Amino acid sequence: MFGQGHPGHQQQQQRRPPSHSQWAAQADAVPCAQYLCPDTLVCVSNPVDCPCPSVEDVKCLIPDAEDKDAATVTCVRESNDCSAVEQLYKRYTK
């Protein structure tokens, strides 16, 4: 009844994000003297150097309005470039 046990109906298993303690244990296992990217656990010299978590994503940098040497990283999917992010940035910084 209600589709349970019916062939072709499979329950989708939801992936749960790792708990803080699981993430902390993984992060502790990665040797890094500089900055450890929270999503990918890659060691880089600056947070802006972190890669996007998925290979399908495009990494876009949004410049900081006050600090010309700083930027915010945004990962965009379903796009080959950062034009949509740049348009939004220009729209909201006018």
PDB file of N, CA and C in Angstrom:
ATOM      1  N   MET A   1       0.829  -1.170   0.000  1.00  0.00           N
ATOM      2  CA  MET A   1       0.000   0.000   0.000  1.00  0.00           C
ATOM      3  C   MET A   1       0.883   1.245   0.000  1.00  0.00           C
ATOM      4  N   PHE A   2       0.469   2.297  -0.662  1.00  0.00           N
ATOM      5  CA  PHE A   2       1.188   3.555  -0.768  1.00  0.00           C
ATOM      6  C   PHE A   2       2.557   3.403  -1.408  1.00  0.00           C
ATOM      7  N   GLY A   3       2.702   2.445  -2.293  1.00  0.00           N
ATOM      8  CA  GLY A   3       3.932   2.314  -3.058  1.00  0.00           C
ATOM      9  C   GLY A   3       5.060   1.601  -2.352  1.00  0.00           C
ATOM     10  N   GLN A   4       4.874   1.160  -1.150  1.00  0.00           N
ATOM     11  CA  GLN A   4       5.943   0.476  -0.448  1.00  0.00           C
ATOM     12  C   GLN A   4       6.051  -0.946  -0.971  1.00  0.00           C
ATOM     13  N   GLY A   5       7.255  -1.335  -1.302  1.00  0.00           N
ATOM     14  CA  GLY A   5       7.495  -2.683  -1.785  1.00  0.00           C
ATOM     15  C   GLY A   5       7.135  -2.859  -3.247  1.00  0.00           C
ATOM     16  N   HIS A   6       6.683  -1.845  -3.890  1.00  0.00           N
ATOM     17  CA  HIS A   6       6.316  -1.926  -5.306  1.00  0.00           C
ATOM     18  C   HIS A   6       7.577  -1.834  -6.146  1.00  0.00           C
ATOM     19  N   PRO A   7       7.738  -2.736  -7.126  1.00  0.00           N
ATOM     20  CA  PRO A   7       8.926  -2.675  -7.964  1.00  0.00           C
ATOM     21  C   PRO A   7       8.993  -1.320  -8.680  1.00  0.00           C
ATOM     22  N   GLY A   8      10.198  -0.796  -8.783  1.00  0.00           N
ATOM     23  CA  GLY A   8      10.400   0.472  -9.464  1.00  0.00           C
ATOM     24  C   GLY A   8      10.330   1.667  -8.533  1.00  0.00           C
ATOM     25  N   HIS A   9       9.796   1.475  -7.334  1.00  0.00           N
ATOM     26  CA  HIS A   9       9.781   2.559  -6.352  1.00  0.00           C
ATOM     27  C   HIS A   9      10.914   2.330  -5.381  1.00  0.00           C
ATOM     28  N   GLN A  10      11.884   3.182  -5.469  1.00  0.00           N
ATOM     29  CA  GLN A  10      13.012   3.077  -4.556  1.00  0.00           C
ATOM     30  C   GLN A  10      13.057   4.332  -3.721  1.00  0.00           C
ATOM     31  N   GLN A  11      13.328   4.156  -2.473  1.00  0.00           N
ATOM     32  CA  GLN A  11      13.474   5.312  -1.607  1.00  0.00           C
ATOM     33  C   GLN A  11      14.826   5.946  -1.880  1.00  0.00           C
ATOM     34  N   GLN A  12      14.809   7.257  -1.975  1.00  0.00           N
ATOM     35  CA  GLN A  12      16.073   7.958  -2.147  1.00  0.00           C
ATOM     36  C   GLN A  12      16.682   8.153  -0.774  1.00  0.00           C
ATOM     37  N   GLN A  13      17.926   7.804  -0.686  1.00  0.00           N
ATOM     38  CA  GLN A  13      18.624   7.961   0.575  1.00  0.00           C
ATOM     39  C   GLN A  13      19.209   9.369   0.626  1.00  0.00           C
ATOM     40  N   GLN A  14      18.840  10.103   1.647  1.00  0.00           N
ATOM     41  CA  GLN A  14      19.343  11.456   1.769  1.00  0.00           C
ATOM     42  C   GLN A  14      20.736  11.431   2.364  1.00  0.00           C
ATOM     43  N   ARG A  15      21.614  12.228   1.733  1.00  0.00           N
ATOM     44  CA  ARG A  15      22.958  12.351   2.271  1.00  0.00           C
ATOM     45  C   ARG A  15      22.944  13.424   3.341  1.00  0.00           C
ATOM     46  N   ARG A  16      23.436  13.089   4.468  1.00  0.00           N
ATOM     47  CA  ARG A  16      23.509  14.049   5.558  1.00  0.00           C
ATOM     48  C   ARG A  16      24.899  14.671   5.560  1.00  0.00           C
ATOM     49  N   PRO A  17      24.966  15.968   5.810  1.00  0.00           N
ATOM     50  CA  PRO A  17      26.286  16.577   5.915  1.00  0.00           C
ATOM     51  C   PRO A  17      26.998  16.029   7.139  1.00  0.00           C
ATOM     52  N   PRO A  18      28.305  15.944   7.076  1.00  0.00           N
ATOM     53  CA  PRO A  18      29.030  15.409   8.226  1.00  0.00           C
ATOM     54  C   PRO A  18      28.824  16.312   9.449  1.00  0.00           C
ATOM     55  N   SER A  19      28.787  15.687  10.598  1.00  0.00           N
ATOM     56  CA  SER A  19      28.637  16.459  11.824  1.00  0.00           C
ATOM     57  C   SER A  19      29.919  17.240  12.081  1.00  0.00           C
ATOM     58  N   HIS A  20      29.835  18.183  12.998  1.00  0.00           N
ATOM     59  CA  HIS A  20      31.014  18.999  13.316  1.00  0.00           C
ATOM     60  C   HIS A  20      32.168  18.131  13.795  1.00  0.00           C
ATOM     61  N   SER A  21      31.861  17.124  14.603  1.00  0.00           N
ATOM     62  CA  SER A  21      32.933  16.274  15.122  1.00  0.00           C
ATOM     63  C   SER A  21      33.581  15.452  14.002  1.00  0.00           C
ATOM     64  N   GLN A  22      32.783  15.011  13.023  1.00  0.00           N
ATOM     65  CA  GLN A  22      33.356  14.283  11.882  1.00  0.00           C
ATOM     66  C   GLN A  22      34.241  15.210  11.061  1.00  0.00           C
ATOM     67  N   TRP A  23      33.778  16.445  10.828  1.00  0.00           N
ATOM     68  CA  TRP A  23      34.562  17.406  10.058  1.00  0.00           C
ATOM     69  C   TRP A  23      35.854  17.741  10.799  1.00  0.00           C
ATOM     70  N   ALA A  24      35.764  17.953  12.105  1.00  0.00           N
ATOM     71  CA  ALA A  24      36.940  18.284  12.901  1.00  0.00           C
ATOM     72  C   ALA A  24      37.957  17.151  12.862  1.00  0.00           C
ATOM     73  N   ALA A  25      37.492  15.919  12.922  1.00  0.00           N
ATOM     74  CA  ALA A  25      38.414  14.773  12.858  1.00  0.00           C
ATOM     75  C   ALA A  25      39.096  14.715  11.499  1.00  0.00           C
ATOM     76  N   GLN A  26      38.354  14.971  10.428  1.00  0.00           N
ATOM     77  CA  GLN A  26      38.952  14.975   9.088  1.00  0.00           C
ATOM     78  C   GLN A  26      39.927  16.137   8.947  1.00  0.00           C
ATOM     79  N   ALA A  27      39.553  17.309   9.443  1.00  0.00           N
ATOM     80  CA  ALA A  27      40.414  18.486   9.345  1.00  0.00           C
ATOM     81  C   ALA A  27      41.698  18.282  10.140  1.00  0.00           C
ATOM     82  N   ASP A  28      41.604  17.648  11.292  1.00  0.00           N
ATOM     83  CA  ASP A  28      42.796  17.389  12.102  1.00  0.00           C
ATOM     84  C   ASP A  28      43.758  16.433  11.414  1.00  0.00           C
ATOM     85  N   ALA A  29      43.243  15.604  10.525  1.00  0.00           N
ATOM     86  CA  ALA A  29      44.075  14.627   9.829  1.00  0.00           C
ATOM     87  C   ALA A  29      44.826  15.242   8.649  1.00  0.00           C
ATOM     88  N   VAL A  30      44.466  16.470   8.247  1.00  0.00           N
ATOM     89  CA  VAL A  30      45.101  17.131   7.107  1.00  0.00           C
ATOM     90  C   VAL A  30      46.173  18.081   7.632  1.00  0.00           C
ATOM     91  N   PRO A  31      47.430  17.837   7.259  1.00  0.00           N
ATOM     92  CA  PRO A  31      48.478  18.750   7.710  1.00  0.00           C
ATOM     93  C   PRO A  31      48.397  20.065   6.930  1.00  0.00           C
ATOM     94  N   CYS A  32      48.254  21.167   7.661  1.00  0.00           N
ATOM     95  CA  CYS A  32      48.151  22.475   7.008  1.00  0.00           C
ATOM     96  C   CYS A  32      48.636  23.543   7.970  1.00  0.00           C
ATOM     97  N   ALA A  33      49.629  24.296   7.534  1.00  0.00           N
ATOM     98  CA  ALA A  33      50.173  25.372   8.358  1.00  0.00           C
ATOM     99  C   ALA A  33      49.608  26.727   7.941  1.00  0.00           C
ATOM    100  N   GLN A  34      48.789  26.748   6.891  1.00  0.00           N
ATOM    101  CA  GLN A  34      48.273  28.025   6.415  1.00  0.00           C
ATOM    102  C   GLN A  34      46.756  28.067   6.599  1.00  0.00           C
ATOM    103  N   TYR A  35      45.977  27.991   5.530  1.00  0.00           N
ATOM    104  CA  TYR A  35      44.513  28.050   5.622  1.00  0.00           C
ATOM    105  C   TYR A  35      43.927  26.767   5.072  1.00  0.00           C
ATOM    106  N   LEU A  36      43.056  26.120   5.848  1.00  0.00           N
ATOM    107  CA  LEU A  36      42.407  24.888   5.436  1.00  0.00           C
ATOM    108  C   LEU A  36      40.994  25.215   4.961  1.00  0.00           C
ATOM    109  N   CYS A  37      40.735  24.981   3.680  1.00  0.00           N
ATOM    110  CA  CYS A  37      39.423  25.287   3.103  1.00  0.00           C
ATOM    111  C   CYS A  37      38.355  24.416   3.766  1.00  0.00           C
ATOM    112  N   PRO A  38      37.284  25.026   4.275  1.00  0.00           N
ATOM    113  CA  PRO A  38      36.294  24.262   5.028  1.00  0.00           C
ATOM    114  C   PRO A  38      35.493  23.259   4.196  1.00  0.00           C
ATOM    115  N   ASP A  39      35.237  23.553   2.921  1.00  0.00           N
ATOM    116  CA  ASP A  39      34.423  22.648   2.102  1.00  0.00           C
ATOM    117  C   ASP A  39      35.215  21.518   1.475  1.00  0.00           C
ATOM    118  N   THR A  40      36.487  21.770   1.192  1.00  0.00           N
ATOM    119  CA  THR A  40      37.277  20.792   0.446  1.00  0.00           C
ATOM    120  C   THR A  40      38.456  20.221   1.225  1.00  0.00           C
ATOM    121  N   LEU A  41      38.760  20.812   2.364  1.00  0.00           N
ATOM    122  CA  LEU A  41      39.918  20.417   3.181  1.00  0.00           C
ATOM    123  C   LEU A  41      41.226  20.475   2.387  1.00  0.00           C
ATOM    124  N   VAL A  42      41.326  21.470   1.519  1.00  0.00           N
ATOM    125  CA  VAL A  42      42.548  21.727   0.763  1.00  0.00           C
ATOM    126  C   VAL A  42      43.309  22.821   1.492  1.00  0.00           C
ATOM    127  N   CYS A  43      44.622  22.653   1.615  1.00  0.00           N
ATOM    128  CA  CYS A  43      45.457  23.635   2.285  1.00  0.00           C
ATOM    129  C   CYS A  43      45.936  24.668   1.260  1.00  0.00           C
ATOM    130  N   VAL A  44      45.642  25.953   1.516  1.00  0.00           N
ATOM    131  CA  VAL A  44      46.028  27.037   0.614  1.00  0.00           C
ATOM    132  C   VAL A  44      46.621  28.177   1.436  1.00  0.00           C
ATOM    133  N   SER A  45      47.225  29.130   0.744  1.00  0.00           N
ATOM    134  CA  SER A  45      47.832  30.251   1.462  1.00  0.00           C
ATOM    135  C   SER A  45      46.814  31.301   1.887  1.00  0.00           C
ATOM    136  N   ASN A  46      45.737  31.455   1.124  1.00  0.00           N
ATOM    137  CA  ASN A  46      44.699  32.438   1.433  1.00  0.00           C
ATOM    138  C   ASN A  46      43.324  31.827   1.193  1.00  0.00           C
ATOM    139  N   PRO A  47      42.294  32.278   1.936  1.00  0.00           N
ATOM    140  CA  PRO A  47      40.946  31.744   1.725  1.00  0.00           C
ATOM    141  C   PRO A  47      40.447  31.894   0.288  1.00  0.00           C
ATOM    142  N   VAL A  48      40.832  32.960  -0.388  1.00  0.00           N
ATOM    143  CA  VAL A  48      40.373  33.186  -1.759  1.00  0.00           C
ATOM    144  C   VAL A  48      40.941  32.134  -2.727  1.00  0.00           C
ATOM    145  N   ASP A  49      41.961  31.413  -2.313  1.00  0.00           N
ATOM    146  CA  ASP A  49      42.569  30.378  -3.150  1.00  0.00           C
ATOM    147  C   ASP A  49      41.865  29.029  -3.049  1.00  0.00           C
ATOM    148  N   CYS A  50      40.855  28.917  -2.194  1.00  0.00           N
ATOM    149  CA  CYS A  50      40.132  27.646  -2.038  1.00  0.00           C
ATOM    150  C   CYS A  50      39.415  27.282  -3.338  1.00  0.00           C
ATOM    151  N   PRO A  51      39.474  26.015  -3.707  1.00  0.00           N
ATOM    152  CA  PRO A  51      38.738  25.574  -4.897  1.00  0.00           C
ATOM    153  C   PRO A  51      37.264  25.374  -4.564  1.00  0.00           C
ATOM    154  N   CYS A  52      36.451  25.344  -5.580  1.00  0.00           N
ATOM    155  CA  CYS A  52      35.037  25.034  -5.387  1.00  0.00           C
ATOM    156  C   CYS A  52      34.906  23.563  -4.991  1.00  0.00           C
ATOM    157  N   PRO A  53      33.886  23.221  -4.214  1.00  0.00           N
ATOM    158  CA  PRO A  53      33.736  21.844  -3.757  1.00  0.00           C
ATOM    159  C   PRO A  53      33.435  20.832  -4.862  1.00  0.00           C
ATOM    160  N   SER A  54      32.873  21.296  -5.963  1.00  0.00           N
ATOM    161  CA  SER A  54      32.510  20.381  -7.042  1.00  0.00           C
ATOM    162  C   SER A  54      33.231  20.772  -8.327  1.00  0.00           C
ATOM    163  N   VAL A  55      33.639  19.787  -9.098  1.00  0.00           N
ATOM    164  CA  VAL A  55      34.347  20.061 -10.351  1.00  0.00           C
ATOM    165  C   VAL A  55      33.446  20.715 -11.386  1.00  0.00           C
ATOM    166  N   GLU A  56      32.117  20.612 -11.217  1.00  0.00           N
ATOM    167  CA  GLU A  56      31.191  21.248 -12.157  1.00  0.00           C
ATOM    168  C   GLU A  56      31.072  22.746 -11.915  1.00  0.00           C
ATOM    169  N   ASP A  57      31.551  23.216 -10.782  1.00  0.00           N
ATOM    170  CA  ASP A  57      31.407  24.611 -10.414  1.00  0.00           C
ATOM    171  C   ASP A  57      32.483  25.480 -11.046  1.00  0.00           C
ATOM    172  N   VAL A  58      32.125  26.731 -11.286  1.00  0.00           N
ATOM    173  CA  VAL A  58      33.051  27.743 -11.766  1.00  0.00           C
ATOM    174  C   VAL A  58      33.288  28.696 -10.602  1.00  0.00           C
ATOM    175  N   LYS A  59      34.546  28.980 -10.318  1.00  0.00           N
ATOM    176  CA  LYS A  59      34.910  29.856  -9.212  1.00  0.00           C
ATOM    177  C   LYS A  59      34.897  31.302  -9.692  1.00  0.00           C
ATOM    178  N   CYS A  60      34.094  32.139  -9.022  1.00  0.00           N
ATOM    179  CA  CYS A  60      33.996  33.555  -9.359  1.00  0.00           C
ATOM    180  C   CYS A  60      34.446  34.373  -8.159  1.00  0.00           C
ATOM    181  N   LEU A  61      35.178  35.424  -8.412  1.00  0.00           N
ATOM    182  CA  LEU A  61      35.645  36.314  -7.356  1.00  0.00           C
ATOM    183  C   LEU A  61      34.857  37.613  -7.411  1.00  0.00           C
ATOM    184  N   ILE A  62      34.302  37.997  -6.279  1.00  0.00           N
ATOM    185  CA  ILE A  62      33.583  39.260  -6.165  1.00  0.00           C
ATOM    186  C   ILE A  62      34.491  40.204  -5.385  1.00  0.00           C
ATOM    187  N   PRO A  63      34.944  41.278  -6.017  1.00  0.00           N
ATOM    188  CA  PRO A  63      35.876  42.181  -5.338  1.00  0.00           C
ATOM    189  C   PRO A  63      35.238  42.858  -4.120  1.00  0.00           C
ATOM    190  N   ASP A  64      36.041  43.082  -3.105  1.00  0.00           N
ATOM    191  CA  ASP A  64      35.588  43.768  -1.904  1.00  0.00           C
ATOM    192  C   ASP A  64      35.543  45.268  -2.197  1.00  0.00           C
ATOM    193  N   ALA A  65      34.460  45.926  -1.817  1.00  0.00           N
ATOM    194  CA  ALA A  65      34.295  47.343  -2.110  1.00  0.00           C
ATOM    195  C   ALA A  65      35.259  48.219  -1.309  1.00  0.00           C
ATOM    196  N   GLU A  66      35.663  47.761  -0.135  1.00  0.00           N
ATOM    197  CA  GLU A  66      36.533  48.571   0.716  1.00  0.00           C
ATOM    198  C   GLU A  66      38.001  48.177   0.623  1.00  0.00           C
ATOM    199  N   ASP A  67      38.277  46.893   0.538  1.00  0.00           N
ATOM    200  CA  ASP A  67      39.652  46.397   0.495  1.00  0.00           C
ATOM    201  C   ASP A  67      39.937  45.880  -0.903  1.00  0.00           C
ATOM    202  N   LYS A  68      40.712  46.609  -1.665  1.00  0.00           N
ATOM    203  CA  LYS A  68      40.971  46.272  -3.072  1.00  0.00           C
ATOM    204  C   LYS A  68      41.767  44.974  -3.236  1.00  0.00           C
ATOM    205  N   ASP A  69      42.420  44.510  -2.159  1.00  0.00           N
ATOM    206  CA  ASP A  69      43.182  43.262  -2.239  1.00  0.00           C
ATOM    207  C   ASP A  69      42.381  42.052  -1.798  1.00  0.00           C
ATOM    208  N   ALA A  70      41.119  42.258  -1.420  1.00  0.00           N
ATOM    209  CA  ALA A  70      40.285  41.163  -0.916  1.00  0.00           C
ATOM    210  C   ALA A  70      39.153  40.864  -1.896  1.00  0.00           C
ATOM    211  N   ALA A  71      38.613  39.671  -1.760  1.00  0.00           N
ATOM    212  CA  ALA A  71      37.492  39.258  -2.600  1.00  0.00           C
ATOM    213  C   ALA A  71      36.708  38.159  -1.892  1.00  0.00           C
ATOM    214  N   THR A  72      35.465  38.000  -2.317  1.00  0.00           N
ATOM    215  CA  THR A  72      34.624  36.915  -1.846  1.00  0.00           C
ATOM    216  C   THR A  72      34.530  35.891  -2.964  1.00  0.00           C
ATOM    217  N   VAL A  73      34.647  34.627  -2.607  1.00  0.00           N
ATOM    218  CA  VAL A  73      34.582  33.548  -3.588  1.00  0.00           C
ATOM    219  C   VAL A  73      33.151  33.029  -3.659  1.00  0.00           C
ATOM    220  N   THR A  74      32.656  32.899  -4.873  1.00  0.00           N
ATOM    221  CA  THR A  74      31.349  32.315  -5.113  1.00  0.00           C
ATOM    222  C   THR A  74      31.503  31.223  -6.158  1.00  0.00           C
ATOM    223  N   CYS A  75      30.927  30.080  -5.917  1.00  0.00           N
ATOM    224  CA  CYS A  75      30.970  28.976  -6.873  1.00  0.00           C
ATOM    225  C   CYS A  75      29.636  28.901  -7.601  1.00  0.00           C
ATOM    226  N   VAL A  76      29.704  28.886  -8.927  1.00  0.00           N
ATOM    227  CA  VAL A  76      28.515  28.912  -9.764  1.00  0.00           C
ATOM    228  C   VAL A  76      28.463  27.634 -10.593  1.00  0.00           C
ATOM    229  N   ARG A  77      27.282  27.056 -10.673  1.00  0.00           N
ATOM    230  CA  ARG A  77      27.086  25.859 -11.475  1.00  0.00           C
ATOM    231  C   ARG A  77      26.166  26.191 -12.638  1.00  0.00           C
ATOM    232  N   GLU A  78      26.235  25.411 -13.678  1.00  0.00           N
ATOM    233  CA  GLU A  78      25.413  25.589 -14.877  1.00  0.00           C
ATOM    234  C   GLU A  78      25.772  26.868 -15.621  1.00  0.00           C
ATOM    235  N   SER A  79      27.026  27.236 -15.565  1.00  0.00           N
ATOM    236  CA  SER A  79      27.510  28.401 -16.283  1.00  0.00           C
ATOM    237  C   SER A  79      28.968  28.157 -16.631  1.00  0.00           C
ATOM    238  N   ASN A  80      29.392  28.688 -17.756  1.00  0.00           N
ATOM    239  CA  ASN A  80      30.781  28.518 -18.165  1.00  0.00           C
ATOM    240  C   ASN A  80      31.660  29.672 -17.716  1.00  0.00           C
ATOM    241  N   ASP A  81      31.027  30.726 -17.229  1.00  0.00           N
ATOM    242  CA  ASP A  81      31.803  31.877 -16.799  1.00  0.00           C
ATOM    243  C   ASP A  81      31.096  32.580 -15.642  1.00  0.00           C
ATOM    244  N   CYS A  82      31.627  33.723 -15.258  1.00  0.00           N
ATOM    245  CA  CYS A  82      31.113  34.452 -14.107  1.00  0.00           C
ATOM    246  C   CYS A  82      30.266  35.655 -14.504  1.00  0.00           C
ATOM    247  N   SER A  83      29.791  35.706 -15.730  1.00  0.00           N
ATOM    248  CA  SER A  83      29.071  36.884 -16.209  1.00  0.00           C
ATOM    249  C   SER A  83      27.808  37.177 -15.396  1.00  0.00           C
ATOM    250  N   ALA A  84      27.048  36.171 -15.017  1.00  0.00           N
ATOM    251  CA  ALA A  84      25.827  36.396 -14.233  1.00  0.00           C
ATOM    252  C   ALA A  84      26.174  36.968 -12.855  1.00  0.00           C
ATOM    253  N   VAL A  85      27.221  36.451 -12.241  1.00  0.00           N
ATOM    254  CA  VAL A  85      27.649  36.946 -10.935  1.00  0.00           C
ATOM    255  C   VAL A  85      28.129  38.386 -11.063  1.00  0.00           C
ATOM    256  N   GLU A  86      28.885  38.680 -12.116  1.00  0.00           N
ATOM    257  CA  GLU A  86      29.383  40.037 -12.339  1.00  0.00           C
ATOM    258  C   GLU A  86      28.234  41.016 -12.573  1.00  0.00           C
ATOM    259  N   GLN A  87      27.213  40.600 -13.309  1.00  0.00           N
ATOM    260  CA  GLN A  87      26.060  41.464 -13.547  1.00  0.00           C
ATOM    261  C   GLN A  87      25.327  41.776 -12.241  1.00  0.00           C
ATOM    262  N   LEU A  88      25.137  40.760 -11.411  1.00  0.00           N
ATOM    263  CA  LEU A  88      24.489  40.985 -10.115  1.00  0.00           C
ATOM    264  C   LEU A  88      25.321  41.905  -9.233  1.00  0.00           C
ATOM    265  N   TYR A  89      26.621  41.696  -9.240  1.00  0.00           N
ATOM    266  CA  TYR A  89      27.517  42.542  -8.448  1.00  0.00           C
ATOM    267  C   TYR A  89      27.392  43.998  -8.886  1.00  0.00           C
ATOM    268  N   LYS A  90      27.413  44.240 -10.181  1.00  0.00           N
ATOM    269  CA  LYS A  90      27.310  45.616 -10.699  1.00  0.00           C
ATOM    270  C   LYS A  90      25.946  46.220 -10.376  1.00  0.00           C
ATOM    271  N   ARG A  91      24.906  45.416 -10.448  1.00  0.00           N
ATOM    272  CA  ARG A  91      23.545  45.912 -10.182  1.00  0.00           C
ATOM    273  C   ARG A  91      23.413  46.395  -8.738  1.00  0.00           C
ATOM    274  N   TYR A  92      24.004  45.660  -7.800  1.00  0.00           N
ATOM    275  CA  TYR A  92      23.817  45.973  -6.393  1.00  0.00           C
ATOM    276  C   TYR A  92      24.899  46.862  -5.806  1.00  0.00           C
ATOM    277  N   THR A  93      25.896  47.237  -6.580  1.00  0.00           N
ATOM    278  CA  THR A  93      26.935  48.124  -6.068  1.00  0.00           C
ATOM    279  C   THR A  93      26.838  49.526  -6.655  1.00  0.00           C
ATOM    280  N   LYS A  94      25.821  49.777  -7.432  1.00  0.00           N
ATOM    281  CA  LYS A  94      25.661  51.118  -8.016  1.00  0.00           C
ATOM    282  C   LYS A  94      25.169  52.101  -6.987  1.00  0.00           C
TER     283      LYS A  94
END
